[in-house]
Amino acid sequence: MCWQTEFLEKHNLLNSYSENVQCVIDWLEPVLSHQKAPFCLAINGAQGSGKSTLSDYLKAYLESQAIATEVVSLDDFYLSKAQRAERANQYHPLFTVRGVPGTHDVSFAIEQVKRFKNSEDFILPRFNKATDEPYNSAMWLKCTNKPKVLIFEGWCLGLLPQSSDQLNVPVNDLEATKDRNGEYRARVNQFLSDEYQVLFALFDNLVFLNAQSFERVYSWRLQQEHQLINRAGTGMSDEEVTTFIQYFERLTRWCIQSLSARSDLHIKLDENRQFSVAT
């Protein structure tokens, strides 16, 4: 069985998926041929955009070419509930909810990416969204085989902070009612402008999966939760999704507005997640 068939069966994907994402491989091949290993590729995509599946597909492809590859998500670096509670006490109560800049252990992420780029052993943590806690460190991935490629995926990778004028106007009910003075979004923006930029500067290239509208992202997230409920019997209600996704709305819209100019490969997604390379 070829690696593509095995991957598609494992992820329950149609054969057309390989054709859909071939444009990314076509872009990546010459990039890698001109890059010295270790190479860190960032993939930015909103919730439900398919960035995790694409990352895993690229790993399978690269390993079929004898290029050792690892994948990690920004989500894997989420702080524990206790750590987020500390930030909530220090800055704003909304920091108890994981997601935005300020709810990740970015210093640890920076350390591990630097170790990867120096061809040293490094660690990739894992986060359990069911318990809202990091997995026990014994379950984290200890990378001692010196992979040539590290794929780092996340929903706000590569994003620059917003201006003070942009922060003045709330983008949704959550900000209007629970962040009336703008303190929360200003603090998120400050986190984004500081240590997150240090992390982003370590990436060699950035792929942007552009959902093109926040409404589409909301629809995809609803779809994800419905699938989770059907598969696992548990998940967020539609009302809970509506509330949860508001935490991501400001910066997701900012990604759609600004990131195409900063990415090395800009992929436009239609409502069915079909890829087209932006020119």
Foldseek 3Di string as FASTA:
>chain_A
DDLLVVLCVVVVHDPCVCVQCVVVVVVVVVVVVPDFFQAEEEEADFALLCRVVVVVVVCSVVVVVVFHEEEAEQVQFFAALVVQVVVCVVFNVVSSDDDFQPGGPLVLVLVQLVCLRVLHWHWHWGCDPVVRGTDDSVPIDTDHPSGRYYYYYYHQAPHAADDPVLLQDQPDPCCVPRVVVSRVVVVSSVSCHPSSVSSNVSHPFYEYEAALDVVLSLVSVQVVQVVCCVVPVDGDDNVVSVVSCSVVPSSNVSCNVPVVVVGPWYWYQYSVSRTDTDD
